[in-house]
């Protein structure tokens, strides 16, 4: 049985944010380089699916998970 990550709401200023930027804003990674590496290695999921696009546009309600931690894009 897979343990569900605790999801924290992370507010963004506009309507959209790029995946790489959101990983840093949410504190899931410390640097842009770490974000790029985690995404390219397939360690990042968006709404339950692996996404390999660092520039993916996230919108309010999207959930990003990495290493058992999660964050939801909020207003």
PDB file of N, CA and C in Angstrom:
ATOM      1  N   UNK A   1       0.836  -1.181   0.000  1.00  0.00           N
ATOM      2  CA  UNK A   1       0.000   0.000   0.000  1.00  0.00           C
ATOM      3  C   UNK A   1       0.882   1.246   0.000  1.00  0.00           C
ATOM      4  N   UNK A   2       0.623   2.151  -0.932  1.00  0.00           N
ATOM      5  CA  UNK A   2       1.408   3.370  -1.049  1.00  0.00           C
ATOM      6  C   UNK A   2       0.889   4.420  -0.078  1.00  0.00           C
ATOM      7  N   UNK A   3       1.817   5.001   0.666  1.00  0.00           N
ATOM      8  CA  UNK A   3       1.438   6.045   1.620  1.00  0.00           C
ATOM      9  C   UNK A   3       1.215   7.353   0.872  1.00  0.00           C
ATOM     10  N   UNK A   4       0.094   8.007   1.140  1.00  0.00           N
ATOM     11  CA  UNK A   4      -0.211   9.280   0.503  1.00  0.00           C
ATOM     12  C   UNK A   4       0.611  10.393   1.157  1.00  0.00           C
ATOM     13  N   UNK A   5       1.218  11.255   0.334  1.00  0.00           N
ATOM     14  CA  UNK A   5       1.978  12.358   0.915  1.00  0.00           C
ATOM     15  C   UNK A   5       1.048  13.399   1.541  1.00  0.00           C
ATOM     16  N   UNK A   6       1.570  14.091   2.542  1.00  0.00           N
ATOM     17  CA  UNK A   6       0.816  15.215   3.102  1.00  0.00           C
ATOM     18  C   UNK A   6       0.910  16.366   2.110  1.00  0.00           C
ATOM     19  N   UNK A   7      -0.216  16.929   1.758  1.00  0.00           N
ATOM     20  CA  UNK A   7      -0.257  17.978   0.742  1.00  0.00           C
ATOM     21  C   UNK A   7      -0.397  19.340   1.426  1.00  0.00           C
ATOM     22  N   UNK A   8       0.509  20.240   1.091  1.00  0.00           N
ATOM     23  CA  UNK A   8       0.441  21.600   1.613  1.00  0.00           C
ATOM     24  C   UNK A   8       0.027  22.544   0.490  1.00  0.00           C
ATOM     25  N   UNK A   9      -0.843  23.501   0.800  1.00  0.00           N
ATOM     26  CA  UNK A   9      -1.231  24.517  -0.178  1.00  0.00           C
ATOM     27  C   UNK A   9      -0.129  25.567  -0.261  1.00  0.00           C
ATOM     28  N   UNK A  10       0.261  25.902  -1.493  1.00  0.00           N
ATOM     29  CA  UNK A  10       1.293  26.914  -1.725  1.00  0.00           C
ATOM     30  C   UNK A  10       0.706  27.958  -2.673  1.00  0.00           C
ATOM     31  N   UNK A  11       0.579  29.171  -2.179  1.00  0.00           N
ATOM     32  CA  UNK A  11      -0.011  30.247  -2.973  1.00  0.00           C
ATOM     33  C   UNK A  11       0.965  30.778  -4.020  1.00  0.00           C
ATOM     34  N   UNK A  12       0.423  31.068  -5.207  1.00  0.00           N
ATOM     35  CA  UNK A  12       1.214  31.698  -6.268  1.00  0.00           C
ATOM     36  C   UNK A  12       0.598  33.057  -6.560  1.00  0.00           C
ATOM     37  N   UNK A  13       1.398  33.949  -7.139  1.00  0.00           N
ATOM     38  CA  UNK A  13       0.951  35.323  -7.384  1.00  0.00           C
ATOM     39  C   UNK A  13      -0.029  35.421  -8.551  1.00  0.00           C
ATOM     40  N   UNK A  14       0.215  34.675  -9.617  1.00  0.00           N
ATOM     41  CA  UNK A  14      -0.641  34.775 -10.795  1.00  0.00           C
ATOM     42  C   UNK A  14      -1.526  33.559 -10.957  1.00  0.00           C
ATOM     43  N   UNK A  15      -1.940  33.328 -12.195  1.00  0.00           N
ATOM     44  CA  UNK A  15      -2.806  32.185 -12.493  1.00  0.00           C
ATOM     45  C   UNK A  15      -2.021  30.917 -12.814  1.00  0.00           C
ATOM     46  N   UNK A  16      -0.780  31.068 -13.292  1.00  0.00           N
ATOM     47  CA  UNK A  16       0.034  29.910 -13.668  1.00  0.00           C
ATOM     48  C   UNK A  16       1.458  30.086 -13.155  1.00  0.00           C
ATOM     49  N   UNK A  17       2.160  28.936 -13.028  1.00  0.00           N
ATOM     50  CA  UNK A  17       3.571  28.935 -12.651  1.00  0.00           C
ATOM     51  C   UNK A  17       4.202  27.709 -13.302  1.00  0.00           C
ATOM     52  N   UNK A  18       5.459  27.810 -13.670  1.00  0.00           N
ATOM     53  CA  UNK A  18       6.159  26.676 -14.279  1.00  0.00           C
ATOM     54  C   UNK A  18       6.538  25.660 -13.205  1.00  0.00           C
ATOM     55  N   UNK A  19       6.562  24.397 -13.595  1.00  0.00           N
ATOM     56  CA  UNK A  19       6.834  23.312 -12.667  1.00  0.00           C
ATOM     57  C   UNK A  19       8.143  23.512 -11.913  1.00  0.00           C
ATOM     58  N   UNK A  20       9.220  23.834 -12.628  1.00  0.00           N
ATOM     59  CA  UNK A  20      10.518  24.028 -11.982  1.00  0.00           C
ATOM     60  C   UNK A  20      10.489  25.125 -10.937  1.00  0.00           C
ATOM     61  N   UNK A  21       9.808  26.218 -11.251  1.00  0.00           N
ATOM     62  CA  UNK A  21       9.697  27.330 -10.311  1.00  0.00           C
ATOM     63  C   UNK A  21       8.869  26.928  -9.093  1.00  0.00           C
ATOM     64  N   UNK A  22       7.795  26.178  -9.330  1.00  0.00           N
ATOM     65  CA  UNK A  22       6.916  25.792  -8.229  1.00  0.00           C
ATOM     66  C   UNK A  22       7.622  24.851  -7.259  1.00  0.00           C
ATOM     67  N   UNK A  23       8.450  23.957  -7.776  1.00  0.00           N
ATOM     68  CA  UNK A  23       9.190  23.053  -6.886  1.00  0.00           C
ATOM     69  C   UNK A  23      10.025  23.840  -5.889  1.00  0.00           C
ATOM     70  N   UNK A  24      10.648  24.918  -6.348  1.00  0.00           N
ATOM     71  CA  UNK A  24      11.449  25.758  -5.461  1.00  0.00           C
ATOM     72  C   UNK A  24      10.551  26.542  -4.507  1.00  0.00           C
ATOM     73  N   UNK A  25       9.499  27.165  -5.022  1.00  0.00           N
ATOM     74  CA  UNK A  25       8.599  27.956  -4.195  1.00  0.00           C
ATOM     75  C   UNK A  25       7.999  27.117  -3.072  1.00  0.00           C
ATOM     76  N   UNK A  26       7.657  25.874  -3.390  1.00  0.00           N
ATOM     77  CA  UNK A  26       7.032  24.984  -2.411  1.00  0.00           C
ATOM     78  C   UNK A  26       8.041  24.390  -1.437  1.00  0.00           C
ATOM     79  N   UNK A  27       9.331  24.612  -1.685  1.00  0.00           N
ATOM     80  CA  UNK A  27      10.360  24.073  -0.803  1.00  0.00           C
ATOM     81  C   UNK A  27      10.625  22.598  -1.005  1.00  0.00           C
ATOM     82  N   UNK A  28      10.202  22.065  -2.152  1.00  0.00           N
ATOM     83  CA  UNK A  28      10.448  20.653  -2.445  1.00  0.00           C
ATOM     84  C   UNK A  28      11.876  20.425  -2.928  1.00  0.00           C
ATOM     85  N   UNK A  29      12.501  21.487  -3.462  1.00  0.00           N
ATOM     86  CA  UNK A  29      13.923  21.475  -3.837  1.00  0.00           C
ATOM     87  C   UNK A  29      14.517  22.816  -3.416  1.00  0.00           C
ATOM     88  N   UNK A  30      15.838  22.877  -3.335  1.00  0.00           N
ATOM     89  CA  UNK A  30      16.507  24.110  -2.923  1.00  0.00           C
ATOM     90  C   UNK A  30      16.916  24.993  -4.095  1.00  0.00           C
ATOM     91  N   UNK A  31      17.238  24.368  -5.244  1.00  0.00           N
ATOM     92  CA  UNK A  31      17.750  25.134  -6.381  1.00  0.00           C
ATOM     93  C   UNK A  31      17.067  24.732  -7.678  1.00  0.00           C
ATOM     94  N   UNK A  32      17.223  25.585  -8.673  1.00  0.00           N
ATOM     95  CA  UNK A  32      16.703  25.263 -10.002  1.00  0.00           C
ATOM     96  C   UNK A  32      17.375  24.035 -10.589  1.00  0.00           C
ATOM     97  N   UNK A  33      18.652  23.865 -10.277  1.00  0.00           N
ATOM     98  CA  UNK A  33      19.379  22.686 -10.756  1.00  0.00           C
ATOM     99  C   UNK A  33      18.809  21.402 -10.176  1.00  0.00           C
ATOM    100  N   UNK A  34      18.472  21.441  -8.894  1.00  0.00           N
ATOM    101  CA  UNK A  34      17.852  20.269  -8.262  1.00  0.00           C
ATOM    102  C   UNK A  34      16.492  19.980  -8.890  1.00  0.00           C
ATOM    103  N   UNK A  35      15.740  21.042  -9.185  1.00  0.00           N
ATOM    104  CA  UNK A  35      14.426  20.874  -9.813  1.00  0.00           C
ATOM    105  C   UNK A  35      14.578  20.211 -11.176  1.00  0.00           C
ATOM    106  N   UNK A  36      15.517  20.708 -11.978  1.00  0.00           N
ATOM    107  CA  UNK A  36      15.741  20.162 -13.316  1.00  0.00           C
ATOM    108  C   UNK A  36      16.103  18.681 -13.236  1.00  0.00           C
ATOM    109  N   UNK A  37      17.014  18.349 -12.334  1.00  0.00           N
ATOM    110  CA  UNK A  37      17.460  16.964 -12.191  1.00  0.00           C
ATOM    111  C   UNK A  37      16.313  16.047 -11.756  1.00  0.00           C
ATOM    112  N   UNK A  38      15.550  16.467 -10.758  1.00  0.00           N
ATOM    113  CA  UNK A  38      14.443  15.652 -10.260  1.00  0.00           C
ATOM    114  C   UNK A  38      13.399  15.419 -11.349  1.00  0.00           C
ATOM    115  N   UNK A  39      13.108  16.463 -12.128  1.00  0.00           N
ATOM    116  CA  UNK A  39      12.122  16.340 -13.204  1.00  0.00           C
ATOM    117  C   UNK A  39      12.630  15.391 -14.276  1.00  0.00           C
ATOM    118  N   UNK A  40      13.868  15.581 -14.730  1.00  0.00           N
ATOM    119  CA  UNK A  40      14.423  14.744 -15.804  1.00  0.00           C
ATOM    120  C   UNK A  40      14.583  13.287 -15.382  1.00  0.00           C
ATOM    121  N   UNK A  41      14.782  13.035 -14.086  1.00  0.00           N
ATOM    122  CA  UNK A  41      14.918  11.661 -13.608  1.00  0.00           C
ATOM    123  C   UNK A  41      13.560  10.991 -13.388  1.00  0.00           C
ATOM    124  N   UNK A  42      12.474  11.738 -13.596  1.00  0.00           N
ATOM    125  CA  UNK A  42      11.142  11.166 -13.449  1.00  0.00           C
ATOM    126  C   UNK A  42      10.678  11.036 -12.016  1.00  0.00           C
ATOM    127  N   UNK A  43      11.258  11.831 -11.122  1.00  0.00           N
ATOM    128  CA  UNK A  43      10.908  11.759  -9.702  1.00  0.00           C
ATOM    129  C   UNK A  43       9.726  12.649  -9.321  1.00  0.00           C
ATOM    130  N   UNK A  44       9.292  13.506 -10.251  1.00  0.00           N
ATOM    131  CA  UNK A  44       8.235  14.472  -9.963  1.00  0.00           C
ATOM    132  C   UNK A  44       6.930  14.031 -10.620  1.00  0.00           C
ATOM    133  N   UNK A  45       5.861  14.069  -9.833  1.00  0.00           N
ATOM    134  CA  UNK A  45       4.533  13.767 -10.370  1.00  0.00           C
ATOM    135  C   UNK A  45       3.660  15.010 -10.273  1.00  0.00           C
ATOM    136  N   UNK A  46       2.849  15.202 -11.313  1.00  0.00           N
ATOM    137  CA  UNK A  46       1.855  16.270 -11.327  1.00  0.00           C
ATOM    138  C   UNK A  46       0.496  15.600 -11.466  1.00  0.00           C
ATOM    139  N   UNK A  47      -0.349  15.806 -10.482  1.00  0.00           N
ATOM    140  CA  UNK A  47      -1.683  15.190 -10.471  1.00  0.00           C
ATOM    141  C   UNK A  47      -1.614  13.675 -10.642  1.00  0.00           C
ATOM    142  N   UNK A  48      -0.603  13.048  -9.999  1.00  0.00           N
ATOM    143  CA  UNK A  48      -0.481  11.598  -9.991  1.00  0.00           C
ATOM    144  C   UNK A  48       0.237  10.984 -11.171  1.00  0.00           C
ATOM    145  N   UNK A  49       0.734  11.813 -12.097  1.00  0.00           N
ATOM    146  CA  UNK A  49       1.440  11.295 -13.272  1.00  0.00           C
ATOM    147  C   UNK A  49       2.818  11.933 -13.386  1.00  0.00           C
ATOM    148  N   UNK A  50       3.823  11.118 -13.728  1.00  0.00           N
ATOM    149  CA  UNK A  50       5.181  11.637 -13.925  1.00  0.00           C
ATOM    150  C   UNK A  50       5.156  12.654 -15.064  1.00  0.00           C
ATOM    151  N   UNK A  51       5.817  13.780 -14.854  1.00  0.00           N
ATOM    152  CA  UNK A  51       5.916  14.802 -15.900  1.00  0.00           C
ATOM    153  C   UNK A  51       7.374  15.192 -16.047  1.00  0.00           C
ATOM    154  N   UNK A  52       7.891  15.122 -17.258  1.00  0.00           N
ATOM    155  CA  UNK A  52       9.301  15.390 -17.528  1.00  0.00           C
ATOM    156  C   UNK A  52       9.544  16.793 -18.088  1.00  0.00           C
ATOM    157  N   UNK A  53       8.524  17.650 -18.045  1.00  0.00           N
ATOM    158  CA  UNK A  53       8.628  18.995 -18.622  1.00  0.00           C
ATOM    159  C   UNK A  53       8.806  20.037 -17.517  1.00  0.00           C
ATOM    160  N   UNK A  54      10.007  20.580 -17.424  1.00  0.00           N
ATOM    161  CA  UNK A  54      10.297  21.585 -16.402  1.00  0.00           C
ATOM    162  C   UNK A  54       9.439  22.826 -16.605  1.00  0.00           C
ATOM    163  N   UNK A  55       9.098  23.132 -17.845  1.00  0.00           N
ATOM    164  CA  UNK A  55       8.301  24.321 -18.161  1.00  0.00           C
ATOM    165  C   UNK A  55       6.803  24.089 -18.129  1.00  0.00           C
ATOM    166  N   UNK A  56       6.368  22.935 -17.672  1.00  0.00           N
ATOM    167  CA  UNK A  56       4.931  22.655 -17.613  1.00  0.00           C
ATOM    168  C   UNK A  56       4.219  23.755 -16.837  1.00  0.00           C
ATOM    169  N   UNK A  57       3.137  24.237 -17.389  1.00  0.00           N
ATOM    170  CA  UNK A  57       2.352  25.286 -16.742  1.00  0.00           C
ATOM    171  C   UNK A  57       1.407  24.662 -15.715  1.00  0.00           C
ATOM    172  N   UNK A  58       1.552  25.047 -14.468  1.00  0.00           N
ATOM    173  CA  UNK A  58       0.668  24.574 -13.411  1.00  0.00           C
ATOM    174  C   UNK A  58      -0.389  25.629 -13.142  1.00  0.00           C
ATOM    175  N   UNK A  59      -1.582  25.165 -12.801  1.00  0.00           N
ATOM    176  CA  UNK A  59      -2.687  26.058 -12.492  1.00  0.00           C
ATOM    177  C   UNK A  59      -3.207  25.747 -11.091  1.00  0.00           C
ATOM    178  N   UNK A  60      -4.033  26.627 -10.562  1.00  0.00           N
ATOM    179  CA  UNK A  60      -4.612  26.425  -9.231  1.00  0.00           C
ATOM    180  C   UNK A  60      -5.269  25.052  -9.150  1.00  0.00           C
ATOM    181  N   UNK A  61      -4.966  24.323  -8.084  1.00  0.00           N
ATOM    182  CA  UNK A  61      -5.534  22.997  -7.872  1.00  0.00           C
ATOM    183  C   UNK A  61      -4.612  21.859  -8.270  1.00  0.00           C
ATOM    184  N   UNK A  62      -3.594  22.132  -9.101  1.00  0.00           N
ATOM    185  CA  UNK A  62      -2.651  21.075  -9.478  1.00  0.00           C
ATOM    186  C   UNK A  62      -1.856  20.644  -8.250  1.00  0.00           C
ATOM    187  N   UNK A  63      -1.573  19.338  -8.157  1.00  0.00           N
ATOM    188  CA  UNK A  63      -0.823  18.786  -7.034  1.00  0.00           C
ATOM    189  C   UNK A  63       0.495  18.209  -7.552  1.00  0.00           C
ATOM    190  N   UNK A  64       1.594  18.637  -6.936  1.00  0.00           N
ATOM    191  CA  UNK A  64       2.937  18.194  -7.312  1.00  0.00           C
ATOM    192  C   UNK A  64       3.506  17.392  -6.153  1.00  0.00           C
ATOM    193  N   UNK A  65       4.073  16.208  -6.454  1.00  0.00           N
ATOM    194  CA  UNK A  65       4.692  15.398  -5.407  1.00  0.00           C
ATOM    195  C   UNK A  65       6.129  15.048  -5.789  1.00  0.00           C
ATOM    196  N   UNK A  66       6.956  14.948  -4.758  1.00  0.00           N
ATOM    197  CA  UNK A  66       8.372  14.587  -4.916  1.00  0.00           C
ATOM    198  C   UNK A  66       8.842  13.995  -3.597  1.00  0.00           C
ATOM    199  N   UNK A  67       9.413  12.814  -3.655  1.00  0.00           N
ATOM    200  CA  UNK A  67       9.999  12.161  -2.477  1.00  0.00           C
ATOM    201  C   UNK A  67       9.041  12.100  -1.280  1.00  0.00           C
ATOM    202  N   UNK A  68       7.807  11.738  -1.532  1.00  0.00           N
ATOM    203  CA  UNK A  68       6.853  11.572  -0.445  1.00  0.00           C
ATOM    204  C   UNK A  68       6.296  12.872   0.131  1.00  0.00           C
ATOM    205  N   UNK A  69       6.616  13.986  -0.496  1.00  0.00           N
ATOM    206  CA  UNK A  69       6.072  15.281  -0.068  1.00  0.00           C
ATOM    207  C   UNK A  69       5.266  15.854  -1.208  1.00  0.00           C
ATOM    208  N   UNK A  70       4.248  16.630  -0.865  1.00  0.00           N
ATOM    209  CA  UNK A  70       3.394  17.188  -1.904  1.00  0.00           C
ATOM    210  C   UNK A  70       3.006  18.617  -1.653  1.00  0.00           C
ATOM    211  N   UNK A  71       2.655  19.313  -2.744  1.00  0.00           N
ATOM    212  CA  UNK A  71       2.207  20.699  -2.653  1.00  0.00           C
ATOM    213  C   UNK A  71       1.132  20.939  -3.701  1.00  0.00           C
ATOM    214  N   UNK A  72       0.111  21.698  -3.305  1.00  0.00           N
ATOM    215  CA  UNK A  72      -0.992  22.054  -4.198  1.00  0.00           C
ATOM    216  C   UNK A  72      -0.882  23.529  -4.550  1.00  0.00           C
ATOM    217  N   UNK A  73      -1.029  23.833  -5.836  1.00  0.00           N
ATOM    218  CA  UNK A  73      -1.013  25.215  -6.291  1.00  0.00           C
ATOM    219  C   UNK A  73      -2.316  25.871  -5.822  1.00  0.00           C
ATOM    220  N   UNK A  74      -2.187  27.005  -5.109  1.00  0.00           N
ATOM    221  CA  UNK A  74      -3.375  27.702  -4.647  1.00  0.00           C
ATOM    222  C   UNK A  74      -3.253  29.200  -4.925  1.00  0.00           C
ATOM    223  N   UNK A  75      -4.375  29.881  -4.771  1.00  0.00           N
ATOM    224  CA  UNK A  75      -4.417  31.322  -5.047  1.00  0.00           C
ATOM    225  C   UNK A  75      -3.878  32.110  -3.866  1.00  0.00           C
TER     226      UNK A  75
END
